[in-house]
């Protein structure tokens, strides 16, 4: 199974809660996950050196994963999430999105997620896309 980096906005309790549900589902399907706020902790961005440490730690976590799943729901995708997706795409890592929003996604995000073919509307759909990507569907 895959080691999956879960990208998404971390700015409020609801966003973090939903990311945790995604992690639980992926782990229940046998994947290992990295969820930044759970595995690296929430950080005081005003602390000296915090930004540099967060950047280095995030890159190390991204480099340790072989898949990326991004929560894309919202009026516009989170800038940090978009940067993480772009980094993984440039490394050749398959990227998946989850969005139940009826609005169109940014064209670059759409392209990174398999030209829309790796974007699910719900968690069960995401699990199915990952199964199909691994070649062990049905």
N, C-alpha and C. Protein backbone atom coordinates (compact mmCIF):
# COMPACT_ATOMS: atom_id res chain seq x y z
N UNK A 1 0.83 -1.19 0.00
CA UNK A 1 0.00 0.00 0.00
C UNK A 1 0.88 1.26 0.00
N UNK A 2 0.24 2.37 -0.19
CA UNK A 2 0.94 3.64 -0.35
C UNK A 2 1.17 4.36 0.97
N UNK A 3 2.18 5.24 0.94
CA UNK A 3 2.35 6.23 2.01
C UNK A 3 1.86 7.54 1.41
N UNK A 4 0.80 8.08 1.99
CA UNK A 4 0.07 9.19 1.39
C UNK A 4 0.20 10.46 2.22
N UNK A 5 0.64 11.53 1.57
CA UNK A 5 0.65 12.85 2.19
C UNK A 5 -0.73 13.45 2.00
N UNK A 6 -1.35 13.90 3.08
CA UNK A 6 -2.67 14.52 3.00
C UNK A 6 -2.51 16.03 3.11
N UNK A 7 -2.82 16.71 2.02
CA UNK A 7 -2.68 18.17 1.95
C UNK A 7 -4.05 18.81 2.09
N UNK A 8 -4.07 19.95 2.73
CA UNK A 8 -5.33 20.68 2.85
C UNK A 8 -5.18 21.84 3.81
N UNK A 9 -6.17 22.71 3.82
CA UNK A 9 -6.13 23.85 4.73
C UNK A 9 -6.27 23.39 6.18
N UNK A 10 -5.53 24.05 7.06
CA UNK A 10 -5.49 23.66 8.48
C UNK A 10 -5.94 24.80 9.39
N UNK A 11 -6.71 25.73 8.87
CA UNK A 11 -6.93 26.98 9.58
C UNK A 11 -8.08 26.97 10.58
N UNK A 12 -8.91 25.94 10.54
CA UNK A 12 -9.98 25.89 11.54
C UNK A 12 -10.28 24.44 11.91
N UNK A 13 -11.05 24.28 12.95
CA UNK A 13 -11.35 22.96 13.49
C UNK A 13 -12.05 22.08 12.46
N UNK A 14 -12.98 22.65 11.70
CA UNK A 14 -13.71 21.85 10.72
C UNK A 14 -12.78 21.29 9.65
N UNK A 15 -11.89 22.11 9.13
CA UNK A 15 -10.95 21.63 8.10
C UNK A 15 -10.08 20.51 8.64
N UNK A 16 -9.54 20.71 9.83
CA UNK A 16 -8.70 19.67 10.43
C UNK A 16 -9.50 18.40 10.71
N UNK A 17 -10.73 18.53 11.16
CA UNK A 17 -11.60 17.38 11.42
C UNK A 17 -11.81 16.57 10.15
N UNK A 18 -12.12 17.27 9.04
CA UNK A 18 -12.37 16.56 7.78
C UNK A 18 -11.10 15.88 7.27
N UNK A 19 -9.97 16.53 7.39
CA UNK A 19 -8.70 15.90 7.00
C UNK A 19 -8.44 14.64 7.83
N UNK A 20 -8.80 14.68 9.10
CA UNK A 20 -8.64 13.50 9.96
C UNK A 20 -9.56 12.36 9.52
N UNK A 21 -10.78 12.67 9.04
CA UNK A 21 -11.67 11.63 8.52
C UNK A 21 -11.07 11.00 7.26
N UNK A 22 -10.47 11.82 6.42
CA UNK A 22 -9.80 11.30 5.22
C UNK A 22 -8.68 10.36 5.63
N UNK A 23 -7.86 10.78 6.59
CA UNK A 23 -6.75 9.94 7.06
C UNK A 23 -7.26 8.62 7.62
N UNK A 24 -8.31 8.66 8.42
CA UNK A 24 -8.88 7.43 8.99
C UNK A 24 -9.33 6.47 7.91
N UNK A 25 -9.98 6.99 6.87
CA UNK A 25 -10.45 6.13 5.78
C UNK A 25 -9.28 5.52 5.02
N UNK A 26 -8.27 6.33 4.74
CA UNK A 26 -7.10 5.82 4.02
C UNK A 26 -6.37 4.77 4.85
N UNK A 27 -6.21 5.03 6.13
CA UNK A 27 -5.54 4.07 7.01
C UNK A 27 -6.37 2.80 7.15
N UNK A 28 -7.69 2.93 7.18
CA UNK A 28 -8.57 1.77 7.23
C UNK A 28 -8.46 0.90 5.99
N UNK A 29 -8.06 1.52 4.88
CA UNK A 29 -7.87 0.78 3.62
C UNK A 29 -6.45 0.23 3.50
N UNK A 30 -5.63 0.42 4.54
CA UNK A 30 -4.30 -0.15 4.55
C UNK A 30 -3.16 0.78 4.19
N UNK A 31 -3.45 2.03 3.92
CA UNK A 31 -2.41 3.00 3.59
C UNK A 31 -1.81 3.59 4.86
N UNK A 32 -0.60 4.08 4.74
CA UNK A 32 0.04 4.87 5.79
C UNK A 32 -0.14 6.33 5.38
N UNK A 33 -0.42 7.21 6.33
CA UNK A 33 -0.64 8.61 5.97
C UNK A 33 0.26 9.54 6.77
N UNK A 34 0.51 10.69 6.18
CA UNK A 34 1.13 11.81 6.89
C UNK A 34 0.14 12.95 6.84
N UNK A 35 -0.29 13.40 8.01
CA UNK A 35 -1.23 14.50 8.14
C UNK A 35 -0.52 15.59 8.94
N UNK A 36 -0.18 16.72 8.32
CA UNK A 36 0.70 17.70 8.95
C UNK A 36 0.34 18.10 10.38
N UNK A 37 -0.89 18.48 10.62
CA UNK A 37 -1.21 18.97 11.97
C UNK A 37 -1.21 17.85 13.00
N UNK A 38 -1.46 16.64 12.59
CA UNK A 38 -1.44 15.50 13.50
C UNK A 38 -0.01 15.00 13.72
N UNK A 39 0.75 14.90 12.64
CA UNK A 39 2.06 14.25 12.71
C UNK A 39 3.22 15.21 12.95
N UNK A 40 3.06 16.48 12.60
CA UNK A 40 4.11 17.47 12.85
C UNK A 40 3.68 18.47 13.91
N UNK A 41 2.39 18.54 14.18
CA UNK A 41 1.87 19.44 15.20
C UNK A 41 1.57 20.83 14.66
N UNK A 42 0.66 21.50 15.34
CA UNK A 42 0.38 22.90 15.01
C UNK A 42 1.52 23.74 15.54
N UNK A 43 1.88 24.77 14.81
CA UNK A 43 3.09 25.53 15.09
C UNK A 43 2.77 26.99 15.37
N UNK A 44 3.54 27.58 16.26
CA UNK A 44 3.48 29.02 16.49
C UNK A 44 4.31 29.69 15.39
N UNK A 45 3.63 30.26 14.41
CA UNK A 45 4.32 30.85 13.27
C UNK A 45 5.15 32.07 13.64
N UNK A 46 4.91 32.64 14.83
CA UNK A 46 5.66 33.82 15.23
C UNK A 46 6.98 33.47 15.92
N UNK A 47 7.19 32.20 16.23
CA UNK A 47 8.43 31.79 16.90
C UNK A 47 9.62 31.98 15.96
N UNK A 48 10.77 32.39 16.49
CA UNK A 48 11.96 32.57 15.64
C UNK A 48 12.30 31.27 14.90
N UNK A 49 12.51 31.39 13.60
CA UNK A 49 12.90 30.24 12.79
C UNK A 49 11.77 29.30 12.43
N UNK A 50 10.54 29.62 12.83
CA UNK A 50 9.42 28.70 12.60
C UNK A 50 9.17 28.45 11.12
N UNK A 51 9.16 29.50 10.31
CA UNK A 51 8.87 29.32 8.89
C UNK A 51 9.89 28.41 8.22
N UNK A 52 11.16 28.60 8.50
CA UNK A 52 12.20 27.77 7.89
C UNK A 52 12.05 26.31 8.33
N UNK A 53 11.76 26.09 9.61
CA UNK A 53 11.61 24.73 10.11
C UNK A 53 10.39 24.06 9.48
N UNK A 54 9.28 24.79 9.40
CA UNK A 54 8.07 24.24 8.80
C UNK A 54 8.33 23.86 7.35
N UNK A 55 8.99 24.74 6.61
CA UNK A 55 9.30 24.45 5.21
C UNK A 55 10.14 23.19 5.08
N UNK A 56 11.23 23.10 5.83
CA UNK A 56 12.12 21.92 5.74
C UNK A 56 11.39 20.65 6.15
N UNK A 57 10.62 20.71 7.23
CA UNK A 57 9.89 19.53 7.69
C UNK A 57 8.83 19.09 6.68
N UNK A 58 8.17 20.07 6.06
CA UNK A 58 7.14 19.74 5.07
C UNK A 58 7.76 19.08 3.85
N UNK A 59 8.86 19.61 3.37
CA UNK A 59 9.54 19.00 2.21
C UNK A 59 9.98 17.58 2.54
N UNK A 60 10.52 17.36 3.73
CA UNK A 60 10.94 16.01 4.13
C UNK A 60 9.74 15.06 4.16
N UNK A 61 8.61 15.53 4.67
CA UNK A 61 7.41 14.69 4.72
C UNK A 61 6.89 14.39 3.32
N UNK A 62 6.88 15.39 2.46
CA UNK A 62 6.46 15.17 1.07
C UNK A 62 7.37 14.16 0.38
N UNK A 63 8.67 14.30 0.58
CA UNK A 63 9.64 13.40 -0.05
C UNK A 63 9.49 11.96 0.42
N UNK A 64 8.94 11.76 1.60
CA UNK A 64 8.79 10.41 2.17
C UNK A 64 7.52 9.71 1.69
N UNK A 65 6.69 10.39 0.89
CA UNK A 65 5.41 9.82 0.46
C UNK A 65 5.41 9.51 -1.03
N UNK A 66 4.59 8.52 -1.40
CA UNK A 66 4.51 8.12 -2.81
C UNK A 66 3.15 8.42 -3.44
N UNK A 67 2.28 9.10 -2.71
CA UNK A 67 1.00 9.58 -3.21
C UNK A 67 0.68 10.86 -2.46
N UNK A 68 -0.17 11.69 -3.07
CA UNK A 68 -0.64 12.90 -2.40
C UNK A 68 -2.15 12.98 -2.60
N UNK A 69 -2.86 13.24 -1.51
CA UNK A 69 -4.30 13.47 -1.55
C UNK A 69 -4.53 14.88 -1.02
N UNK A 70 -5.29 15.67 -1.76
CA UNK A 70 -5.52 17.06 -1.36
C UNK A 70 -7.01 17.35 -1.22
N UNK A 71 -7.37 17.99 -0.13
CA UNK A 71 -8.72 18.48 0.07
C UNK A 71 -8.85 19.79 -0.70
N UNK A 72 -9.72 19.80 -1.71
CA UNK A 72 -9.82 20.92 -2.63
C UNK A 72 -11.13 21.69 -2.53
N UNK A 73 -12.01 21.30 -1.64
CA UNK A 73 -13.31 21.95 -1.50
C UNK A 73 -13.13 23.40 -1.06
N UNK A 74 -13.86 24.29 -1.70
CA UNK A 74 -13.81 25.69 -1.32
C UNK A 74 -13.80 26.60 -2.53
N UNK A 75 -13.99 27.87 -2.28
CA UNK A 75 -14.05 28.85 -3.36
C UNK A 75 -12.75 28.91 -4.15
N UNK A 76 -11.64 28.71 -3.46
CA UNK A 76 -10.33 28.70 -4.11
C UNK A 76 -9.45 27.76 -3.30
N UNK A 77 -8.57 27.06 -3.96
CA UNK A 77 -7.73 26.11 -3.26
C UNK A 77 -6.70 26.85 -2.41
N UNK A 78 -6.42 26.29 -1.25
CA UNK A 78 -5.45 26.85 -0.31
C UNK A 78 -4.08 26.94 -0.98
N UNK A 79 -3.38 28.04 -0.76
CA UNK A 79 -2.08 28.24 -1.43
C UNK A 79 -1.05 27.21 -0.99
N UNK A 80 -1.01 26.85 0.28
CA UNK A 80 -0.07 25.83 0.74
C UNK A 80 -0.38 24.48 0.13
N UNK A 81 -1.66 24.14 0.07
CA UNK A 81 -2.08 22.88 -0.55
C UNK A 81 -1.66 22.86 -2.02
N UNK A 82 -1.86 23.97 -2.70
CA UNK A 82 -1.49 24.06 -4.12
C UNK A 82 0.01 23.90 -4.30
N UNK A 83 0.80 24.51 -3.42
CA UNK A 83 2.26 24.38 -3.50
C UNK A 83 2.67 22.92 -3.28
N UNK A 84 2.05 22.25 -2.31
CA UNK A 84 2.37 20.85 -2.04
C UNK A 84 2.01 19.97 -3.23
N UNK A 85 0.86 20.20 -3.83
CA UNK A 85 0.47 19.44 -5.03
C UNK A 85 1.47 19.66 -6.16
N UNK A 86 1.84 20.91 -6.40
CA UNK A 86 2.79 21.21 -7.47
C UNK A 86 4.13 20.54 -7.24
N UNK A 87 4.59 20.54 -6.00
CA UNK A 87 5.86 19.90 -5.66
C UNK A 87 5.79 18.40 -5.95
N UNK A 88 4.71 17.77 -5.51
CA UNK A 88 4.58 16.32 -5.73
C UNK A 88 4.45 16.00 -7.22
N UNK A 89 3.69 16.80 -7.94
CA UNK A 89 3.53 16.59 -9.38
C UNK A 89 4.87 16.69 -10.09
N UNK A 90 5.67 17.68 -9.72
CA UNK A 90 6.99 17.85 -10.34
C UNK A 90 7.90 16.66 -10.05
N UNK A 91 7.69 16.00 -8.94
CA UNK A 91 8.47 14.80 -8.60
C UNK A 91 7.92 13.55 -9.30
N UNK A 92 6.79 13.67 -10.00
CA UNK A 92 6.20 12.52 -10.67
C UNK A 92 5.32 11.67 -9.77
N UNK A 93 4.92 12.22 -8.64
CA UNK A 93 4.08 11.49 -7.68
C UNK A 93 2.61 11.65 -8.07
N UNK A 94 1.84 10.57 -8.14
CA UNK A 94 0.42 10.68 -8.45
C UNK A 94 -0.31 11.51 -7.38
N UNK A 95 -1.10 12.47 -7.86
CA UNK A 95 -1.84 13.38 -6.97
C UNK A 95 -3.34 13.18 -7.17
N UNK A 96 -4.05 13.16 -6.05
CA UNK A 96 -5.49 12.95 -6.04
C UNK A 96 -6.15 14.11 -5.32
N UNK A 97 -7.36 14.44 -5.73
CA UNK A 97 -8.10 15.51 -5.08
C UNK A 97 -9.43 15.02 -4.56
N UNK A 98 -9.94 15.73 -3.58
CA UNK A 98 -11.27 15.47 -3.03
C UNK A 98 -12.00 16.80 -2.97
N UNK A 99 -13.11 16.89 -3.70
CA UNK A 99 -13.89 18.13 -3.71
C UNK A 99 -15.35 17.81 -3.96
N UNK A 100 -16.20 18.26 -3.04
CA UNK A 100 -17.64 18.11 -3.24
C UNK A 100 -18.27 19.44 -3.66
N UNK A 101 -17.43 20.34 -4.11
CA UNK A 101 -17.87 21.67 -4.52
C UNK A 101 -18.28 21.64 -5.99
N UNK A 102 -19.37 22.32 -6.34
CA UNK A 102 -19.83 22.33 -7.73
C UNK A 102 -19.06 23.31 -8.60
N UNK A 103 -18.27 24.17 -7.99
CA UNK A 103 -17.50 25.15 -8.78
C UNK A 103 -16.32 24.46 -9.46
N UNK A 104 -15.88 25.04 -10.57
CA UNK A 104 -14.73 24.51 -11.29
C UNK A 104 -13.45 24.70 -10.48
N UNK A 105 -12.57 23.73 -10.59
CA UNK A 105 -11.26 23.83 -9.96
C UNK A 105 -10.32 24.65 -10.84
N UNK A 106 -9.32 25.22 -10.23
CA UNK A 106 -8.25 25.87 -10.96
C UNK A 106 -7.71 24.90 -12.01
N UNK A 107 -7.43 25.39 -13.21
CA UNK A 107 -6.97 24.52 -14.30
C UNK A 107 -5.68 23.78 -13.98
N UNK A 108 -4.77 24.42 -13.27
CA UNK A 108 -3.51 23.75 -12.92
C UNK A 108 -3.76 22.61 -11.93
N UNK A 109 -4.61 22.85 -10.93
CA UNK A 109 -4.94 21.80 -9.96
C UNK A 109 -5.63 20.65 -10.67
N UNK A 110 -6.57 20.96 -11.55
CA UNK A 110 -7.27 19.95 -12.34
C UNK A 110 -6.27 19.10 -13.12
N UNK A 111 -5.31 19.74 -13.78
CA UNK A 111 -4.31 19.02 -14.56
C UNK A 111 -3.41 18.15 -13.71
N UNK A 112 -2.98 18.68 -12.57
CA UNK A 112 -2.12 17.92 -11.65
C UNK A 112 -2.82 16.66 -11.17
N UNK A 113 -4.13 16.75 -10.99
CA UNK A 113 -4.90 15.59 -10.51
C UNK A 113 -5.41 14.78 -11.70
N UNK A 114 -4.49 14.39 -12.57
CA UNK A 114 -4.81 13.51 -13.69
C UNK A 114 -5.81 14.07 -14.67
N UNK A 115 -5.72 15.38 -14.93
CA UNK A 115 -6.68 16.07 -15.79
C UNK A 115 -8.11 15.77 -15.36
N UNK A 116 -8.31 15.83 -14.06
CA UNK A 116 -9.63 15.62 -13.47
C UNK A 116 -9.96 14.17 -13.18
N UNK A 117 -9.17 13.25 -13.72
CA UNK A 117 -9.45 11.82 -13.54
C UNK A 117 -9.12 11.28 -12.17
N UNK A 118 -8.43 12.06 -11.35
CA UNK A 118 -8.09 11.63 -9.99
C UNK A 118 -8.73 12.55 -8.95
N UNK A 119 -9.90 13.07 -9.27
CA UNK A 119 -10.63 13.92 -8.33
C UNK A 119 -11.93 13.22 -7.97
N UNK A 120 -12.12 12.99 -6.68
CA UNK A 120 -13.32 12.32 -6.18
C UNK A 120 -14.24 13.34 -5.52
N UNK A 121 -15.52 13.00 -5.48
CA UNK A 121 -16.51 13.86 -4.82
C UNK A 121 -16.73 13.51 -3.36
N UNK A 122 -16.26 12.31 -2.95
CA UNK A 122 -16.43 11.88 -1.57
C UNK A 122 -15.32 10.89 -1.21
N UNK A 123 -15.25 10.54 0.07
CA UNK A 123 -14.18 9.66 0.54
C UNK A 123 -14.27 8.26 -0.08
N UNK A 124 -15.45 7.63 -0.18
CA UNK A 124 -15.50 6.33 -0.86
C UNK A 124 -14.99 6.40 -2.30
N UNK A 125 -15.32 7.48 -3.00
CA UNK A 125 -14.83 7.66 -4.36
C UNK A 125 -13.32 7.81 -4.41
N UNK A 126 -12.76 8.50 -3.43
CA UNK A 126 -11.31 8.64 -3.33
C UNK A 126 -10.64 7.28 -3.13
N UNK A 127 -11.20 6.47 -2.24
CA UNK A 127 -10.65 5.13 -2.00
C UNK A 127 -10.68 4.30 -3.28
N UNK A 128 -11.75 4.43 -4.05
CA UNK A 128 -11.85 3.68 -5.30
C UNK A 128 -10.80 4.16 -6.31
N UNK A 129 -10.59 5.46 -6.42
CA UNK A 129 -9.55 5.97 -7.32
C UNK A 129 -8.17 5.45 -6.93
N UNK A 130 -7.89 5.40 -5.64
CA UNK A 130 -6.59 4.87 -5.19
C UNK A 130 -6.47 3.39 -5.49
N UNK A 131 -7.56 2.64 -5.32
CA UNK A 131 -7.53 1.20 -5.66
C UNK A 131 -7.26 1.01 -7.16
N UNK A 132 -7.94 1.79 -7.98
CA UNK A 132 -7.75 1.68 -9.43
C UNK A 132 -6.33 2.07 -9.81
N UNK A 133 -5.78 3.10 -9.18
CA UNK A 133 -4.42 3.54 -9.47
C UNK A 133 -3.40 2.46 -9.12
N UNK A 134 -3.68 1.72 -8.06
CA UNK A 134 -2.77 0.65 -7.63
C UNK A 134 -2.92 -0.60 -8.49
N UNK A 135 -3.95 -0.63 -9.33
CA UNK A 135 -4.14 -1.78 -10.21
C UNK A 135 -4.80 -2.96 -9.54
N UNK A 136 -5.39 -2.74 -8.35
CA UNK A 136 -6.01 -3.86 -7.67
C UNK A 136 -7.51 -3.69 -7.53
N UNK A 137 -8.12 -2.95 -8.45
CA UNK A 137 -9.58 -2.77 -8.40
C UNK A 137 -10.28 -4.05 -8.81
N UNK A 138 -11.39 -4.32 -8.14
CA UNK A 138 -12.35 -5.33 -8.38
C UNK A 138 -12.05 -6.57 -8.96
